[in-house]
Each structure stands twice: as structure tokens, then as C-alpha cells.
mmCIF file of all heavy atoms, coordinates in Angstrom:
data_MODEL
# 
_entry.id   MODEL 
# 
loop_
_atom_site.group_PDB 
_atom_site.id 
_atom_site.type_symbol 
_atom_site.label_atom_id 
_atom_site.label_alt_id 
_atom_site.label_comp_id 
_atom_site.label_asym_id 
_atom_site.label_entity_id 
_atom_site.label_seq_id 
_atom_site.pdbx_PDB_ins_code 
_atom_site.Cartn_x 
_atom_site.Cartn_y 
_atom_site.Cartn_z 
_atom_site.occupancy 
_atom_site.B_iso_or_equiv 
_atom_site.pdbx_formal_charge 
_atom_site.auth_seq_id 
_atom_site.auth_comp_id 
_atom_site.auth_asym_id 
_atom_site.auth_atom_id 
_atom_site.pdbx_PDB_model_num 
ATOM 1   N N   . SER A 1 1  ? 0.842  -1.283  -0.018 1.00 0.00 ? 1  SER A N   1 
ATOM 2   C CA  . SER A 1 1  ? -0.029 0.073   0.040  1.00 0.00 ? 1  SER A CA  1 
ATOM 3   C C   . SER A 1 1  ? 0.887  1.242   0.023  1.00 0.00 ? 1  SER A C   1 
ATOM 4   O O   . SER A 1 1  ? 0.402  2.333   -0.142 1.00 0.00 ? 1  SER A O   1 
ATOM 5   C CB  . SER A 1 1  ? -0.968 -0.066  1.230  1.00 0.00 ? 1  SER A CB  1 
ATOM 6   O OG  . SER A 1 1  ? -0.197 0.126   2.440  1.00 0.00 ? 1  SER A OG  1 
ATOM 7   N N   . LEU A 1 2  ? 2.256  1.148   0.123  1.00 0.00 ? 2  LEU A N   1 
ATOM 8   C CA  . LEU A 1 2  ? 3.065  2.302   0.251  1.00 0.00 ? 2  LEU A CA  1 
ATOM 9   C C   . LEU A 1 2  ? 3.699  2.696   -0.981 1.00 0.00 ? 2  LEU A C   1 
ATOM 10  O O   . LEU A 1 2  ? 4.582  3.728   -1.051 1.00 0.00 ? 2  LEU A O   1 
ATOM 11  C CB  . LEU A 1 2  ? 4.048  1.933   1.301  1.00 0.00 ? 2  LEU A CB  1 
ATOM 12  C CG  . LEU A 1 2  ? 3.568  1.742   2.626  1.00 0.00 ? 2  LEU A CG  1 
ATOM 13  C CD1 . LEU A 1 2  ? 4.726  1.532   3.719  1.00 0.00 ? 2  LEU A CD1 1 
ATOM 14  C CD2 . LEU A 1 2  ? 2.717  2.816   3.315  1.00 0.00 ? 2  LEU A CD2 1 
ATOM 15  N N   . ASP A 1 3  ? 3.490  2.032   -2.144 1.00 0.00 ? 3  ASP A N   1 
ATOM 16  C CA  . ASP A 1 3  ? 4.057  2.393   -3.382 1.00 0.00 ? 3  ASP A CA  1 
ATOM 17  C C   . ASP A 1 3  ? 5.594  2.541   -3.308 1.00 0.00 ? 3  ASP A C   1 
ATOM 18  O O   . ASP A 1 3  ? 6.142  3.592   -3.804 1.00 0.00 ? 3  ASP A O   1 
ATOM 19  C CB  . ASP A 1 3  ? 3.286  3.712   -3.913 1.00 0.00 ? 3  ASP A CB  1 
ATOM 20  C CG  . ASP A 1 3  ? 3.531  3.999   -5.382 1.00 0.00 ? 3  ASP A CG  1 
ATOM 21  O OD1 . ASP A 1 3  ? 3.758  2.995   -6.177 1.00 0.00 ? 3  ASP A OD1 1 
ATOM 22  O OD2 . ASP A 1 3  ? 3.701  5.111   -5.817 1.00 0.00 ? 3  ASP A OD2 1 
ATOM 23  N N   . LEU A 1 4  ? 6.137  1.535   -2.884 1.00 0.00 ? 4  LEU A N   1 
ATOM 24  C CA  . LEU A 1 4  ? 7.668  1.464   -2.882 1.00 0.00 ? 4  LEU A CA  1 
ATOM 25  C C   . LEU A 1 4  ? 8.223  1.083   -4.191 1.00 0.00 ? 4  LEU A C   1 
ATOM 26  O O   . LEU A 1 4  ? 7.652  0.276   -4.889 1.00 0.00 ? 4  LEU A O   1 
ATOM 27  C CB  . LEU A 1 4  ? 8.064  0.465   -1.753 1.00 0.00 ? 4  LEU A CB  1 
ATOM 28  C CG  . LEU A 1 4  ? 7.812  0.971   -0.332 1.00 0.00 ? 4  LEU A CG  1 
ATOM 29  C CD1 . LEU A 1 4  ? 7.886  -0.438  0.553  1.00 0.00 ? 4  LEU A CD1 1 
ATOM 30  C CD2 . LEU A 1 4  ? 8.873  1.809   0.142  1.00 0.00 ? 4  LEU A CD2 1 
ATOM 31  N N   . PRO A 1 5  ? 9.585  1.476   -4.420 1.00 0.00 ? 5  PRO A N   1 
ATOM 32  C CA  . PRO A 1 5  ? 10.212 1.031   -5.652 1.00 0.00 ? 5  PRO A CA  1 
ATOM 33  C C   . PRO A 1 5  ? 10.282 -0.408  -5.542 1.00 0.00 ? 5  PRO A C   1 
ATOM 34  O O   . PRO A 1 5  ? 10.631 -0.915  -4.470 1.00 0.00 ? 5  PRO A O   1 
ATOM 35  C CB  . PRO A 1 5  ? 11.558 1.847   -5.610 1.00 0.00 ? 5  PRO A CB  1 
ATOM 36  C CG  . PRO A 1 5  ? 11.285 2.927   -4.721 1.00 0.00 ? 5  PRO A CG  1 
ATOM 37  C CD  . PRO A 1 5  ? 10.235 2.682   -3.797 1.00 0.00 ? 5  PRO A CD  1 
ATOM 38  N N   . PRO A 1 6  ? 10.315 -1.156  -6.670 1.00 0.00 ? 6  PRO A N   1 
ATOM 39  C CA  . PRO A 1 6  ? 10.364 -2.685  -6.719 1.00 0.00 ? 6  PRO A CA  1 
ATOM 40  C C   . PRO A 1 6  ? 11.612 -3.311  -5.979 1.00 0.00 ? 6  PRO A C   1 
ATOM 41  O O   . PRO A 1 6  ? 11.384 -4.171  -5.155 1.00 0.00 ? 6  PRO A O   1 
ATOM 42  C CB  . PRO A 1 6  ? 10.473 -3.022  -8.136 1.00 0.00 ? 6  PRO A CB  1 
ATOM 43  C CG  . PRO A 1 6  ? 9.727  -1.889  -8.890 1.00 0.00 ? 6  PRO A CG  1 
ATOM 44  C CD  . PRO A 1 6  ? 10.018 -0.624  -8.090 1.00 0.00 ? 6  PRO A CD  1 
ATOM 45  N N   . LYS A 1 7  ? 12.796 -2.706  -6.128 1.00 0.00 ? 7  LYS A N   1 
ATOM 46  C CA  . LYS A 1 7  ? 13.955 -3.271  -5.513 1.00 0.00 ? 7  LYS A CA  1 
ATOM 47  C C   . LYS A 1 7  ? 13.880 -3.054  -3.937 1.00 0.00 ? 7  LYS A C   1 
ATOM 48  O O   . LYS A 1 7  ? 14.214 -3.953  -3.180 1.00 0.00 ? 7  LYS A O   1 
ATOM 49  C CB  . LYS A 1 7  ? 15.245 -2.584  -6.067 1.00 0.00 ? 7  LYS A CB  1 
ATOM 50  C CG  . LYS A 1 7  ? 15.563 -3.039  -7.346 1.00 0.00 ? 7  LYS A CG  1 
ATOM 51  C CD  . LYS A 1 7  ? 16.835 -2.385  -7.910 1.00 0.00 ? 7  LYS A CD  1 
ATOM 52  C CE  . LYS A 1 7  ? 17.214 -2.782  -9.282 1.00 0.00 ? 7  LYS A CE  1 
ATOM 53  N NZ  . LYS A 1 7  ? 18.581 -2.282  -9.676 1.00 0.00 ? 7  LYS A NZ  1 
ATOM 54  N N   . LYS A 1 8  ? 13.302 -1.989  -3.523 1.00 0.00 ? 8  LYS A N   1 
ATOM 55  C CA  . LYS A 1 8  ? 13.250 -1.811  -2.007 1.00 0.00 ? 8  LYS A CA  1 
ATOM 56  C C   . LYS A 1 8  ? 12.084 -2.498  -1.568 1.00 0.00 ? 8  LYS A C   1 
ATOM 57  O O   . LYS A 1 8  ? 12.204 -2.955  -0.371 1.00 0.00 ? 8  LYS A O   1 
ATOM 58  C CB  . LYS A 1 8  ? 13.032 -0.190  -1.789 1.00 0.00 ? 8  LYS A CB  1 
ATOM 59  C CG  . LYS A 1 8  ? 14.320 0.686   -2.071 1.00 0.00 ? 8  LYS A CG  1 
ATOM 60  C CD  . LYS A 1 8  ? 14.041 2.058   -1.821 1.00 0.00 ? 8  LYS A CD  1 
ATOM 61  C CE  . LYS A 1 8  ? 15.325 2.913   -2.127 1.00 0.00 ? 8  LYS A CE  1 
ATOM 62  N NZ  . LYS A 1 8  ? 15.354 4.250   -1.857 1.00 0.00 ? 8  LYS A NZ  1 
ATOM 63  N N   . LEU A 1 9  ? 10.999 -2.709  -2.285 1.00 0.00 ? 9  LEU A N   1 
ATOM 64  C CA  . LEU A 1 9  ? 9.974  -3.670  -1.804 1.00 0.00 ? 9  LEU A CA  1 
ATOM 65  C C   . LEU A 1 9  ? 10.424 -5.038  -1.620 1.00 0.00 ? 9  LEU A C   1 
ATOM 66  O O   . LEU A 1 9  ? 10.076 -5.761  -0.627 1.00 0.00 ? 9  LEU A O   1 
ATOM 67  C CB  . LEU A 1 9  ? 8.803  -3.605  -2.811 1.00 0.00 ? 9  LEU A CB  1 
ATOM 68  C CG  . LEU A 1 9  ? 7.606  -4.397  -2.583 1.00 0.00 ? 9  LEU A CG  1 
ATOM 69  C CD1 . LEU A 1 9  ? 6.934  -4.077  -1.306 1.00 0.00 ? 9  LEU A CD1 1 
ATOM 70  C CD2 . LEU A 1 9  ? 6.441  -4.244  -3.711 1.00 0.00 ? 9  LEU A CD2 1 
ATOM 71  N N   . VAL A 1 10 ? 11.396 -5.451  -2.590 1.00 0.00 ? 10 VAL A N   1 
ATOM 72  C CA  . VAL A 1 10 ? 11.895 -6.914  -2.398 1.00 0.00 ? 10 VAL A CA  1 
ATOM 73  C C   . VAL A 1 10 ? 12.774 -6.890  -1.178 1.00 0.00 ? 10 VAL A C   1 
ATOM 74  O O   . VAL A 1 10 ? 12.607 -7.913  -0.410 1.00 0.00 ? 10 VAL A O   1 
ATOM 75  C CB  . VAL A 1 10 ? 12.705 -7.196  -3.636 1.00 0.00 ? 10 VAL A CB  1 
ATOM 76  C CG1 . VAL A 1 10 ? 13.652 -8.414  -3.401 1.00 0.00 ? 10 VAL A CG1 1 
ATOM 77  C CG2 . VAL A 1 10 ? 11.913 -7.445  -4.865 1.00 0.00 ? 10 VAL A CG2 1 
ATOM 78  N N   . ARG A 1 11 ? 13.547 -5.905  -0.771 1.00 0.00 ? 11 ARG A N   1 
ATOM 79  C CA  . ARG A 1 11 ? 14.309 -5.960  0.360  1.00 0.00 ? 11 ARG A CA  1 
ATOM 80  C C   . ARG A 1 11 ? 13.493 -6.142  1.568  1.00 0.00 ? 11 ARG A C   1 
ATOM 81  O O   . ARG A 1 11 ? 13.744 -6.887  2.561  1.00 0.00 ? 11 ARG A O   1 
ATOM 82  C CB  . ARG A 1 11 ? 15.043 -4.654  0.530  1.00 0.00 ? 11 ARG A CB  1 
ATOM 83  C CG  . ARG A 1 11 ? 16.285 -4.617  -0.327 1.00 0.00 ? 11 ARG A CG  1 
ATOM 84  C CD  . ARG A 1 11 ? 17.308 -3.475  0.246  1.00 0.00 ? 11 ARG A CD  1 
ATOM 85  N NE  . ARG A 1 11 ? 18.400 -3.141  -0.766 1.00 0.00 ? 11 ARG A NE  1 
ATOM 86  C CZ  . ARG A 1 11 ? 19.242 -2.453  -0.487 1.00 0.00 ? 11 ARG A CZ  1 
ATOM 87  N NH1 . ARG A 1 11 ? 19.420 -1.845  0.748  1.00 0.00 ? 11 ARG A NH1 1 
ATOM 88  N NH2 . ARG A 1 11 ? 20.262 -2.182  -1.313 1.00 0.00 ? 11 ARG A NH2 1 
ATOM 89  N N   . MET A 1 12 ? 12.353 -5.325  1.558  1.00 0.00 ? 12 MET A N   1 
ATOM 90  C CA  . MET A 1 12 ? 11.393 -5.389  2.690  1.00 0.00 ? 12 MET A CA  1 
ATOM 91  C C   . MET A 1 12 ? 10.646 -6.700  2.907  1.00 0.00 ? 12 MET A C   1 
ATOM 92  O O   . MET A 1 12 ? 10.372 -7.282  4.008  1.00 0.00 ? 12 MET A O   1 
ATOM 93  C CB  . MET A 1 12 ? 10.399 -4.253  2.756  1.00 0.00 ? 12 MET A CB  1 
ATOM 94  C CG  . MET A 1 12 ? 11.160 -2.859  2.813  1.00 0.00 ? 12 MET A CG  1 
ATOM 95  S SD  . MET A 1 12 ? 9.979  -1.553  3.320  1.00 0.00 ? 12 MET A SD  1 
ATOM 96  C CE  . MET A 1 12 ? 11.078 -0.210  3.521  1.00 0.00 ? 12 MET A CE  1 
ATOM 97  N N   . ALA A 1 13 ? 10.269 -7.290  1.763  1.00 0.00 ? 13 ALA A N   1 
ATOM 98  C CA  . ALA A 1 13 ? 9.737  -8.504  1.667  1.00 0.00 ? 13 ALA A CA  1 
ATOM 99  C C   . ALA A 1 13 ? 10.612 -9.636  2.246  1.00 0.00 ? 13 ALA A C   1 
ATOM 100 O O   . ALA A 1 13 ? 10.126 -10.467 2.950  1.00 0.00 ? 13 ALA A O   1 
ATOM 101 C CB  . ALA A 1 13 ? 9.184  -8.895  0.340  1.00 0.00 ? 13 ALA A CB  1 
ATOM 102 N N   . VAL A 1 14 ? 11.944 -9.619  1.907  1.00 0.00 ? 14 VAL A N   1 
ATOM 103 C CA  . VAL A 1 14 ? 12.912 -10.490 2.333  1.00 0.00 ? 14 VAL A CA  1 
ATOM 104 C C   . VAL A 1 14 ? 12.952 -10.454 3.988  1.00 0.00 ? 14 VAL A C   1 
ATOM 105 O O   . VAL A 1 14 ? 13.110 -11.460 4.621  1.00 0.00 ? 14 VAL A O   1 
ATOM 106 C CB  . VAL A 1 14 ? 14.357 -10.317 1.790  1.00 0.00 ? 14 VAL A CB  1 
ATOM 107 C CG1 . VAL A 1 14 ? 15.410 -11.105 2.458  1.00 0.00 ? 14 VAL A CG1 1 
ATOM 108 C CG2 . VAL A 1 14 ? 14.270 -10.555 0.271  1.00 0.00 ? 14 VAL A CG2 1 
ATOM 109 N N   . LEU A 1 15 ? 12.996 -9.261  4.371  1.00 0.00 ? 15 LEU A N   1 
ATOM 110 C CA  . LEU A 1 15 ? 12.990 -9.144  5.930  1.00 0.00 ? 15 LEU A CA  1 
ATOM 111 C C   . LEU A 1 15 ? 11.700 -9.513  6.591  1.00 0.00 ? 15 LEU A C   1 
ATOM 112 O O   . LEU A 1 15 ? 11.709 -10.231 7.710  1.00 0.00 ? 15 LEU A O   1 
ATOM 113 C CB  . LEU A 1 15 ? 13.150 -7.585  6.302  1.00 0.00 ? 15 LEU A CB  1 
ATOM 114 C CG  . LEU A 1 15 ? 13.117 -7.266  7.757  1.00 0.00 ? 15 LEU A CG  1 
ATOM 115 C CD1 . LEU A 1 15 ? 14.399 -8.047  8.386  1.00 0.00 ? 15 LEU A CD1 1 
ATOM 116 C CD2 . LEU A 1 15 ? 13.309 -5.793  8.135  1.00 0.00 ? 15 LEU A CD2 1 
ATOM 117 N N   . VAL A 1 16 ? 10.513 -9.464  5.908  1.00 0.00 ? 16 VAL A N   1 
ATOM 118 C CA  . VAL A 1 16 ? 9.213  -9.887  6.420  1.00 0.00 ? 16 VAL A CA  1 
ATOM 119 C C   . VAL A 1 16 ? 9.346  -11.355 6.492  1.00 0.00 ? 16 VAL A C   1 
ATOM 120 O O   . VAL A 1 16 ? 9.009  -11.966 7.568  1.00 0.00 ? 16 VAL A O   1 
ATOM 121 C CB  . VAL A 1 16 ? 8.098  -9.457  5.504  1.00 0.00 ? 16 VAL A CB  1 
ATOM 122 C CG1 . VAL A 1 16 ? 6.834  -10.234 5.774  1.00 0.00 ? 16 VAL A CG1 1 
ATOM 123 C CG2 . VAL A 1 16 ? 7.827  -7.986  5.639  1.00 0.00 ? 16 VAL A CG2 1 
ATOM 124 N N   . VAL A 1 17 ? 9.899  -12.074 5.480  1.00 0.00 ? 17 VAL A N   1 
ATOM 125 C CA  . VAL A 1 17 ? 9.882  -13.559 5.571  1.00 0.00 ? 17 VAL A CA  1 
ATOM 126 C C   . VAL A 1 17 ? 10.745 -14.020 6.752  1.00 0.00 ? 17 VAL A C   1 
ATOM 127 O O   . VAL A 1 17 ? 10.377 -14.921 7.502  1.00 0.00 ? 17 VAL A O   1 
ATOM 128 C CB  . VAL A 1 17 ? 10.397 -14.143 4.175  1.00 0.00 ? 17 VAL A CB  1 
ATOM 129 C CG1 . VAL A 1 17 ? 10.690 -15.622 4.362  1.00 0.00 ? 17 VAL A CG1 1 
ATOM 130 C CG2 . VAL A 1 17 ? 9.515  -13.806 2.998  1.00 0.00 ? 17 VAL A CG2 1 
ATOM 131 N N   . PHE A 1 18 ? 11.896 -13.329 6.841  1.00 0.00 ? 18 PHE A N   1 
ATOM 132 C CA  . PHE A 1 18 ? 12.814 -13.792 7.925  1.00 0.00 ? 18 PHE A CA  1 
ATOM 133 C C   . PHE A 1 18 ? 12.253 -13.447 9.336  1.00 0.00 ? 18 PHE A C   1 
ATOM 134 O O   . PHE A 1 18 ? 12.367 -14.181 10.248 1.00 0.00 ? 18 PHE A O   1 
ATOM 135 C CB  . PHE A 1 18 ? 14.174 -13.123 7.783  1.00 0.00 ? 18 PHE A CB  1 
ATOM 136 C CG  . PHE A 1 18 ? 15.326 -13.577 8.761  1.00 0.00 ? 18 PHE A CG  1 
ATOM 137 C CD1 . PHE A 1 18 ? 16.012 -14.883 8.426  1.00 0.00 ? 18 PHE A CD1 1 
ATOM 138 C CD2 . PHE A 1 18 ? 15.456 -12.966 9.788  1.00 0.00 ? 18 PHE A CD2 1 
ATOM 139 C CE1 . PHE A 1 18 ? 16.944 -15.287 9.275  1.00 0.00 ? 18 PHE A CE1 1 
ATOM 140 C CE2 . PHE A 1 18 ? 16.434 -13.470 10.742 1.00 0.00 ? 18 PHE A CE2 1 
ATOM 141 C CZ  . PHE A 1 18 ? 17.188 -14.507 10.421 1.00 0.00 ? 18 PHE A CZ  1 
ATOM 142 N N   . SER A 1 19 ? 11.616 -12.246 9.484  1.00 0.00 ? 19 SER A N   1 
ATOM 143 C CA  . SER A 1 19 ? 11.001 -11.838 10.699 1.00 0.00 ? 19 SER A CA  1 
ATOM 144 C C   . SER A 1 19 ? 9.864  -12.712 11.116 1.00 0.00 ? 19 SER A C   1 
ATOM 145 O O   . SER A 1 19 ? 9.771  -12.979 12.296 1.00 0.00 ? 19 SER A O   1 
ATOM 146 C CB  . SER A 1 19 ? 10.563 -10.418 10.638 1.00 0.00 ? 19 SER A CB  1 
ATOM 147 O OG  . SER A 1 19 ? 11.795 -9.569  10.297 1.00 0.00 ? 19 SER A OG  1 
ATOM 148 N N   . VAL A 1 20 ? 9.023  -13.045 10.031 1.00 0.00 ? 20 VAL A N   1 
ATOM 149 C CA  . VAL A 1 20 ? 7.825  -13.888 10.530 1.00 0.00 ? 20 VAL A CA  1 
ATOM 150 C C   . VAL A 1 20 ? 8.300  -15.298 10.948 1.00 0.00 ? 20 VAL A C   1 
ATOM 151 O O   . VAL A 1 20 ? 7.759  -15.632 11.965 1.00 0.00 ? 20 VAL A O   1 
ATOM 152 C CB  . VAL A 1 20 ? 6.947  -14.040 9.213  1.00 0.00 ? 20 VAL A CB  1 
ATOM 153 C CG1 . VAL A 1 20 ? 6.013  -15.200 9.352  1.00 0.00 ? 20 VAL A CG1 1 
ATOM 154 C CG2 . VAL A 1 20 ? 6.147  -12.721 9.001  1.00 0.00 ? 20 VAL A CG2 1 
ATOM 155 N N   . ASN A 1 21 ? 9.271  -15.827 10.291 1.00 0.00 ? 21 ASN A N   1 
ATOM 156 C CA  . ASN A 1 21 ? 9.817  -17.171 10.668 1.00 0.00 ? 21 ASN A CA  1 
ATOM 157 C C   . ASN A 1 21 ? 10.390 -17.061 12.043 1.00 0.00 ? 21 ASN A C   1 
ATOM 158 O O   . ASN A 1 21 ? 10.434 -17.986 12.877 1.00 0.00 ? 21 ASN A O   1 
ATOM 159 C CB  . ASN A 1 21 ? 10.702 -17.739 9.634  1.00 0.00 ? 21 ASN A CB  1 
ATOM 160 C CG  . ASN A 1 21 ? 9.930  -18.194 8.532  1.00 0.00 ? 21 ASN A CG  1 
ATOM 161 O OD1 . ASN A 1 21 ? 8.694  -18.591 8.471  1.00 0.00 ? 21 ASN A OD1 1 
ATOM 162 N ND2 . ASN A 1 21 ? 10.600 -18.031 7.262  1.00 0.00 ? 21 ASN A ND2 1 
ATOM 163 N N   . SER A 1 22 ? 11.218 -16.003 12.279 1.00 0.00 ? 22 SER A N   1 
ATOM 164 C CA  . SER A 1 22 ? 11.932 -15.828 13.641 1.00 0.00 ? 22 SER A CA  1 
ATOM 165 C C   . SER A 1 22 ? 10.959 -15.495 14.696 1.00 0.00 ? 22 SER A C   1 
ATOM 166 O O   . SER A 1 22 ? 11.146 -16.107 15.766 1.00 0.00 ? 22 SER A O   1 
ATOM 167 C CB  . SER A 1 22 ? 12.969 -14.678 13.384 1.00 0.00 ? 22 SER A CB  1 
ATOM 168 O OG  . SER A 1 22 ? 13.811 -15.009 12.431 1.00 0.00 ? 22 SER A OG  1 
ATOM 169 N N   . GLY A 1 23 ? 9.983  -14.763 14.435 1.00 0.00 ? 23 GLY A N   1 
ATOM 170 C CA  . GLY A 1 23 ? 9.045  -14.378 15.453 1.00 0.00 ? 23 GLY A CA  1 
ATOM 171 C C   . GLY A 1 23 ? 8.183  -15.577 16.128 1.00 0.00 ? 23 GLY A C   1 
ATOM 172 O O   . GLY A 1 23 ? 7.784  -15.453 17.247 1.00 0.00 ? 23 GLY A O   1 
ATOM 173 N N   . GLY A 1 24 ? 7.953  -16.549 15.220 1.00 0.00 ? 24 GLY A N   1 
ATOM 174 C CA  . GLY A 1 24 ? 7.048  -17.627 15.695 1.00 0.00 ? 24 GLY A CA  1 
ATOM 175 C C   . GLY A 1 24 ? 7.752  -18.687 16.520 1.00 0.00 ? 24 GLY A C   1 
ATOM 176 O O   . GLY A 1 24 ? 7.040  -19.438 17.182 1.00 0.00 ? 24 GLY A O   1 
ATOM 177 N N   . VAL A 1 25 ? 9.191  -18.687 16.581 1.00 0.00 ? 25 VAL A N   1 
ATOM 178 C CA  . VAL A 1 25 ? 9.885  -19.794 17.257 1.00 0.00 ? 25 VAL A CA  1 
ATOM 179 C C   . VAL A 1 25 ? 9.697  -19.752 18.710 1.00 0.00 ? 25 VAL A C   1 
ATOM 180 O O   . VAL A 1 25 ? 9.920  -20.822 19.305 1.00 0.00 ? 25 VAL A O   1 
ATOM 181 C CB  . VAL A 1 25 ? 11.345 -19.922 16.871 1.00 0.00 ? 25 VAL A CB  1 
ATOM 182 C CG1 . VAL A 1 25 ? 11.399 -20.004 15.357 1.00 0.00 ? 25 VAL A CG1 1 
ATOM 183 C CG2 . VAL A 1 25 ? 12.083 -18.645 17.269 1.00 0.00 ? 25 VAL A CG2 1 
ATOM 184 N N   . SER A 1 26 ? 9.362  -18.672 19.360 1.00 0.00 ? 26 SER A N   1 
ATOM 185 C CA  . SER A 1 26 ? 9.531  -18.662 20.856 1.00 0.00 ? 26 SER A CA  1 
ATOM 186 C C   . SER A 1 26 ? 8.208  -18.910 21.513 1.00 0.00 ? 26 SER A C   1 
ATOM 187 O O   . SER A 1 26 ? 8.128  -19.016 22.678 1.00 0.00 ? 26 SER A O   1 
ATOM 188 C CB  . SER A 1 26 ? 10.238 -17.308 21.262 1.00 0.00 ? 26 SER A CB  1 
ATOM 189 O OG  . SER A 1 26 ? 9.365  -16.203 20.776 1.00 0.00 ? 26 SER A OG  1 
ATOM 190 N N   . LEU A 1 27 ? 7.108  -18.955 20.735 1.00 0.00 ? 27 LEU A N   1 
ATOM 191 C CA  . LEU A 1 27 ? 5.848  -19.262 21.271 1.00 0.00 ? 27 LEU A CA  1 
ATOM 192 C C   . LEU A 1 27 ? 5.148  -20.246 20.508 1.00 0.00 ? 27 LEU A C   1 
ATOM 193 O O   . LEU A 1 27 ? 5.219  -20.346 19.242 1.00 0.00 ? 27 LEU A O   1 
ATOM 194 C CB  . LEU A 1 27 ? 4.893  -17.971 21.233 1.00 0.00 ? 27 LEU A CB  1 
ATOM 195 C CG  . LEU A 1 27 ? 5.244  -16.834 22.302 1.00 0.00 ? 27 LEU A CG  1 
ATOM 196 C CD1 . LEU A 1 27 ? 4.383  -15.628 22.083 1.00 0.00 ? 27 LEU A CD1 1 
ATOM 197 C CD2 . LEU A 1 27 ? 5.102  -17.326 23.758 1.00 0.00 ? 27 LEU A CD2 1 
ATOM 198 N N   . ILE A 1 28 ? 4.327  -21.094 21.222 1.00 0.00 ? 28 ILE A N   1 
ATOM 199 C CA  . ILE A 1 28 ? 3.682  -22.244 20.532 1.00 0.00 ? 28 ILE A CA  1 
ATOM 200 C C   . ILE A 1 28 ? 2.470  -21.719 19.609 1.00 0.00 ? 28 ILE A C   1 
ATOM 201 O O   . ILE A 1 28 ? 2.084  -22.371 18.750 1.00 0.00 ? 28 ILE A O   1 
ATOM 202 C CB  . ILE A 1 28 ? 3.198  -23.232 21.614 1.00 0.00 ? 28 ILE A CB  1 
ATOM 203 C CG1 . ILE A 1 28 ? 2.152  -22.579 22.535 1.00 0.00 ? 28 ILE A CG1 1 
ATOM 204 C CG2 . ILE A 1 28 ? 4.341  -23.860 22.262 1.00 0.00 ? 28 ILE A CG2 1 
ATOM 205 C CD1 . ILE A 1 28 ? 1.498  -23.505 23.591 1.00 0.00 ? 28 ILE A CD1 1 
# 
């Protein structure tokens, strides 16, 4: 929804994937 340039959007998407997987490991 923020109209980011494609390359920067990819960077943020990469961080989202890693953050989502990391955030879930400490709680059932």
C-alpha cells in the first residue's frame, strides 16, 4: 500500500519472511 520502488519492496519482503519465521519460534 506504500508504493515502494520494486527493489526496495523486495528488500522489505525478504525481511518480512525472515522476521515472520523468527518471531514464531519462541511461542507455541
